[in-house]
Structures are given as C-alpha cells and as structure tokens.
C-alpha atoms as a PDB file:
ATOM      1  CA  MET A   1     -60.748 -38.409  35.301  1.00  0.00           C
ATOM      2  CA  LYS A   2     -63.520 -36.137  36.152  1.00  0.00           C
ATOM      3  CA  PRO A   3     -63.419 -32.779  34.417  1.00  0.00           C
ATOM      4  CA  ALA A   4     -62.984 -30.932  37.725  1.00  0.00           C
ATOM      5  CA  ALA A   5     -59.919 -33.030  38.654  1.00  0.00           C
ATOM      6  CA  MET A   6     -58.156 -32.548  35.324  1.00  0.00           C
ATOM      7  CA  LYS A   7     -55.240 -30.206  35.405  1.00  0.00           C
ATOM      8  CA  LEU A   8     -54.967 -27.861  32.558  1.00  0.00           C
ATOM      9  CA  PHE A   9     -51.431 -27.384  31.355  1.00  0.00           C
ATOM     10  CA  LYS A  10     -50.338 -24.390  29.466  1.00  0.00           C
ATOM     11  CA  THR A  11     -48.812 -25.476  26.206  1.00  0.00           C
ATOM     12  CA  PRO A  12     -45.178 -24.522  26.212  1.00  0.00           C
ATOM     13  CA  THR A  13     -44.252 -21.804  23.805  1.00  0.00           C
ATOM     14  CA  THR A  14     -41.425 -22.862  21.584  1.00  0.00           C
ATOM     15  CA  ARG A  15     -38.824 -20.255  20.883  1.00  0.00           C
ATOM     16  CA  ALA A  16     -36.422 -20.510  18.065  1.00  0.00           C
ATOM     17  CA  LYS A  17     -32.890 -21.110  19.254  1.00  0.00           C
ATOM     18  CA  PRO A  18     -30.730 -18.034  18.852  1.00  0.00           C
ATOM     19  CA  VAL A  19     -28.608 -18.122  15.726  1.00  0.00           C
ATOM     20  CA  ASP A  20     -24.893 -17.490  16.218  1.00  0.00           C
ATOM     21  CA  ARG A  21     -24.512 -15.293  13.143  1.00  0.00           C
ATOM     22  CA  GLU A  22     -20.998 -14.226  14.127  1.00  0.00           C
ATOM     23  CA  GLY A  23     -19.922 -17.847  14.503  1.00  0.00           C
ATOM     24  CA  LEU A  24     -21.471 -18.840  11.177  1.00  0.00           C
ATOM     25  CA  GLU A  25     -19.797 -15.951   9.364  1.00  0.00           C
ATOM     26  CA  GLN A  26     -16.452 -16.684  10.991  1.00  0.00           C
ATOM     27  CA  ALA A  27     -16.742 -20.358   9.980  1.00  0.00           C
ATOM     28  CA  ALA A  28     -17.444 -19.235   6.381  1.00  0.00           C
ATOM     29  CA  LEU A  29     -14.306 -17.083   6.534  1.00  0.00           C
ATOM     30  CA  MET A  30     -12.210 -20.029   7.702  1.00  0.00           C
ATOM     31  CA  ALA A  31     -13.620 -22.241   4.924  1.00  0.00           C
ATOM     32  CA  GLU A  32     -12.736 -19.604   2.324  1.00  0.00           C
ATOM     33  CA  LEU A  33      -9.229 -19.245   3.749  1.00  0.00           C
ATOM     34  CA  ARG A  34      -8.723 -23.026   3.570  1.00  0.00           C
ATOM     35  CA  ALA A  35      -9.817 -22.986  -0.084  1.00  0.00           C
ATOM     36  CA  ARG A  36      -8.065 -19.827  -1.281  1.00  0.00           C
ATOM     37  CA  MET A  37      -5.150 -19.193   1.094  1.00  0.00           C
ATOM     38  CA  PRO A  38      -4.045 -22.472   2.657  1.00  0.00           C
ATOM     39  CA  GLU A  39      -0.824 -20.944   4.036  1.00  0.00           C
ATOM     40  CA  VAL A  40      -2.887 -18.353   5.903  1.00  0.00           C
ATOM     41  CA  ALA A  41      -5.462 -20.945   6.996  1.00  0.00           C
ATOM     42  CA  ASP A  42      -2.618 -23.003   8.443  1.00  0.00           C
ATOM     43  CA  LEU A  43      -1.425 -20.149  10.671  1.00  0.00           C
ATOM     44  CA  ILE A  44      -4.529 -18.133  11.576  1.00  0.00           C
ATOM     45  CA  PHE A  45      -6.315 -19.215  14.735  1.00  0.00           C
ATOM     46  CA  HIS A  46      -9.375 -18.340  16.789  1.00  0.00           C
ATOM     47  CA  VAL A  47      -9.134 -17.366  20.442  1.00  0.00           C
ATOM     48  CA  PRO A  48     -12.238 -18.867  22.102  1.00  0.00           C
ATOM     49  CA  ASN A  49     -12.466 -16.192  24.747  1.00  0.00           C
ATOM     50  CA  GLY A  50     -16.181 -15.404  24.782  1.00  0.00           C
ATOM     51  CA  GLY A  51     -19.265 -17.432  25.377  1.00  0.00           C
ATOM     52  CA  HIS A  52     -21.225 -18.378  28.448  1.00  0.00           C
ATOM     53  CA  ARG A  53     -19.579 -20.726  30.897  1.00  0.00           C
ATOM     54  CA  VAL A  54     -20.312 -22.158  34.293  1.00  0.00           C
ATOM     55  CA  LYS A  55     -18.812 -19.876  36.959  1.00  0.00           C
ATOM     56  CA  ALA A  56     -16.300 -22.508  38.108  1.00  0.00           C
ATOM     57  CA  VAL A  57     -15.006 -22.996  34.554  1.00  0.00           C
ATOM     58  CA  ALA A  58     -14.843 -19.235  33.962  1.00  0.00           C
ATOM     59  CA  ALA A  59     -12.841 -18.770  37.172  1.00  0.00           C
ATOM     60  CA  LYS A  60     -10.472 -21.585  36.198  1.00  0.00           C
ATOM     61  CA  LEU A  61      -9.899 -20.092  32.728  1.00  0.00           C
ATOM     62  CA  LYS A  62      -9.341 -16.629  34.198  1.00  0.00           C
ATOM     63  CA  ALA A  63      -6.728 -18.086  36.553  1.00  0.00           C
ATOM     64  CA  GLN A  64      -5.079 -19.665  33.496  1.00  0.00           C
ATOM     65  CA  GLY A  65      -4.794 -16.298  31.730  1.00  0.00           C
ATOM     66  CA  VAL A  66      -8.021 -15.672  29.836  1.00  0.00           C
ATOM     67  CA  LYS A  67      -8.479 -11.919  29.470  1.00  0.00           C
ATOM     68  CA  ALA A  68     -11.496  -9.904  28.381  1.00  0.00           C
ATOM     69  CA  GLY A  69     -11.317  -8.112  25.054  1.00  0.00           C
ATOM     70  CA  ILE A  70      -8.793 -10.330  23.260  1.00  0.00           C
ATOM     71  CA  PRO A  71      -9.599 -10.246  19.520  1.00  0.00           C
ATOM     72  CA  ASP A  72     -11.178 -13.331  17.933  1.00  0.00           C
ATOM     73  CA  LEU A  73      -8.553 -14.140  15.299  1.00  0.00           C
ATOM     74  CA  VAL A  74      -4.760 -14.014  15.287  1.00  0.00           C
ATOM     75  CA  LEU A  75      -2.602 -14.218  12.163  1.00  0.00           C
ATOM     76  CA  PRO A  76       1.046 -14.595  13.239  1.00  0.00           C
ATOM     77  CA  MET A  77       2.526 -13.409   9.932  1.00  0.00           C
ATOM     78  CA  ALA A  78       4.670 -10.271  10.181  1.00  0.00           C
ATOM     79  CA  ARG A  79       3.933  -7.696   7.463  1.00  0.00           C
ATOM     80  CA  GLY A  80       4.340  -3.968   6.904  1.00  0.00           C
ATOM     81  CA  GLY A  81       6.423  -3.402  10.026  1.00  0.00           C
ATOM     82  CA  PHE A  82       3.846  -5.179  12.199  1.00  0.00           C
ATOM     83  CA  PHE A  83       4.514  -8.384  14.128  1.00  0.00           C
ATOM     84  CA  GLY A  84       1.115  -9.918  13.341  1.00  0.00           C
ATOM     85  CA  LEU A  85      -2.562  -9.227  12.706  1.00  0.00           C
ATOM     86  CA  TYR A  86      -5.308  -9.397  15.340  1.00  0.00           C
ATOM     87  CA  ILE A  87      -8.924  -9.277  14.154  1.00  0.00           C
ATOM     88  CA  GLU A  88     -11.944  -8.584  16.319  1.00  0.00           C
ATOM     89  CA  PHE A  89     -14.586 -10.315  14.198  1.00  0.00           C
ATOM     90  CA  LYS A  90     -18.151  -9.013  14.249  1.00  0.00           C
ATOM     91  CA  ALA A  91     -21.104 -10.253  12.219  1.00  0.00           C
ATOM     92  CA  MET A  92     -22.425  -8.160   9.361  1.00  0.00           C
ATOM     93  CA  PRO A  93     -24.956  -5.484  10.262  1.00  0.00           C
ATOM     94  CA  PRO A  94     -27.734  -5.706  11.369  1.00  0.00           C
ATOM     95  CA  ASN A  95     -26.490  -8.747  13.322  1.00  0.00           C
ATOM     96  CA  ASP A  96     -23.284  -7.125  14.538  1.00  0.00           C
ATOM     97  CA  ALA A  97     -22.575  -6.482  18.192  1.00  0.00           C
ATOM     98  CA  ALA A  98     -21.078  -3.365  19.703  1.00  0.00           C
ATOM     99  CA  ILE A  99     -17.372  -3.258  20.481  1.00  0.00           C
ATOM    100  CA  SER A 100     -16.944  -3.455  24.239  1.00  0.00           C
ATOM    101  CA  ASP A 101     -14.733  -1.156  26.284  1.00  0.00           C
ATOM    102  CA  SER A 102     -12.394  -4.082  27.017  1.00  0.00           C
ATOM    103  CA  GLN A 103     -12.120  -4.817  23.272  1.00  0.00           C
ATOM    104  CA  HIS A 104     -11.308  -1.178  22.485  1.00  0.00           C
ATOM    105  CA  GLU A 105      -8.669  -1.167  25.219  1.00  0.00           C
ATOM    106  CA  ARG A 106      -7.100  -4.472  24.139  1.00  0.00           C
ATOM    107  CA  ILE A 107      -6.949  -3.338  20.491  1.00  0.00           C
ATOM    108  CA  ARG A 108      -5.261  -0.091  21.575  1.00  0.00           C
ATOM    109  CA  LYS A 109      -2.681  -2.008  23.641  1.00  0.00           C
ATOM    110  CA  LEU A 110      -1.948  -4.485  20.839  1.00  0.00           C
ATOM    111  CA  ASN A 111      -1.434  -1.656  18.342  1.00  0.00           C
ATOM    112  CA  ALA A 112       0.918   0.060  20.817  1.00  0.00           C
ATOM    113  CA  GLN A 113       3.011  -3.152  20.944  1.00  0.00           C
ATOM    114  CA  GLY A 114       3.589  -3.295  17.191  1.00  0.00           C
ATOM    115  CA  TYR A 115       0.691  -5.484  16.087  1.00  0.00           C
ATOM    116  CA  LEU A 116      -2.033  -4.453  13.687  1.00  0.00           C
ATOM    117  CA  ALA A 117      -5.292  -4.943  15.592  1.00  0.00           C
ATOM    118  CA  VAL A 118      -8.519  -4.156  13.754  1.00  0.00           C
ATOM    119  CA  VAL A 119     -12.276  -4.668  13.885  1.00  0.00           C
ATOM    120  CA  CYS A 120     -13.874  -6.325  10.859  1.00  0.00           C
ATOM    121  CA  ARG A 121     -17.568  -6.719  10.166  1.00  0.00           C
ATOM    122  CA  GLY A 122     -18.383  -9.924   8.371  1.00  0.00           C
ATOM    123  CA  HIS A 123     -16.365 -12.417   6.446  1.00  0.00           C
ATOM    124  CA  PHE A 124     -15.980 -10.297   3.280  1.00  0.00           C
ATOM    125  CA  ASP A 125     -14.618  -7.307   5.212  1.00  0.00           C
ATOM    126  CA  THR A 126     -12.226  -9.643   7.014  1.00  0.00           C
ATOM    127  CA  MET A 127     -10.978 -11.212   3.757  1.00  0.00           C
ATOM    128  CA  GLU A 128     -10.269  -7.745   2.379  1.00  0.00           C
ATOM    129  CA  GLN A 129      -8.346  -6.805   5.521  1.00  0.00           C
ATOM    130  CA  ILE A 130      -6.289 -10.002   5.354  1.00  0.00           C
ATOM    131  CA  ARG A 131      -5.543  -9.458   1.651  1.00  0.00           C
ATOM    132  CA  ALA A 132      -4.477  -5.850   2.292  1.00  0.00           C
ATOM    133  CA  TYR A 133      -2.279  -6.966   5.184  1.00  0.00           C
ATOM    134  CA  LEU A 134      -0.604  -9.690   3.105  1.00  0.00           C
ATOM    135  CA  ARG A 135       0.116  -7.229   0.255  1.00  0.00           C
ATOM    136  CA  MET A 136       2.484  -5.397   2.605  1.00  0.00           C
ATOM    137  CA  ALA A 137       6.136  -6.384   2.549  1.00  0.00           C
ATOM    138  CA  PRO A 138       7.252  -8.929   5.162  1.00  0.00           C
ATOM    139  CA  THR A 139       8.513  -7.323   8.353  1.00  0.00           C
ATOM    140  CA  VAL A 140      12.284  -7.651   8.660  1.00  0.00           C
ATOM    141  CA  VAL A 141      13.684  -7.960  12.147  1.00  0.00           C
ATOM    142  CA  ALA A 142      17.323  -6.955  12.512  1.00  0.00           C
ATOM    143  CA  ALA A 143      19.333  -9.141  14.854  1.00  0.00           C
END
C-alpha cells in the first residue's frame, strides 16, 4: 500500500472491567456462613433483583412480580419477635452505593410487617448483624 492510501486506526483504549465489589463481598459472606453457620447458610438466600437486563427480560420479570427495593438477602428464621431477617447488602466504603428511595421504602414496609429489615455495609458488618439476630430468642407464634 502506498502511504497515502493507508488508513490510520486509532488504537483502542482498554478499560479495566468494573469490579463488582458488592458481589465479591457478598460471596465472601456466603462462604463464611457455609463454613461457620451451615444451618444459616442452608436457609439464607439472595434475591437477584438488581443488575442490568434487556428490556424484554426486565418487563417479563416485572410482570412475574419483581419489585424495586427488595433487600438482597433473606434469612427466614424467626427471632426476637420478628418473622425473619432481610438484609440490604452494600459493599464496604468507599465502594458502597447509596440506599435508593425504593430500598428505604421497602425496608420501612418490611419492618412494619414484623420483619427485621436492615442495611449492612460489607461482609463483616453483615456477620455481626446475623450473629446479633440469632442471639435473640426464637419467635413463638401462638396458634
């Protein structure tokens, strides 16, 4: 090729892929629960409510009952007069995200229905909250 006919391409800039710090910390929490509290690990579950989805999939999930603001983790063990524990999991600062209006509202509604719904920052904070919750006496429901 002649120099005049050559096309000059701009070298693509490579960006580092974003790191899902919240997901990594939550996975570390689940690993610790499996190792230290297998009975809790067996019952606690993650609600995969967030994330980016194709519009058609998002619409389908919304029609199936997905709601904004649902906390990340649910522990269906009744303690301290509560029916269960809901945890909105955030990464440790400085990687933590703000709590959205829909999360605040959902936490308020869950607390009003007899659940303990809290926000925890990082896996250590969450372990402490779970331990404190489990130290409470089991909730007794009268028939």
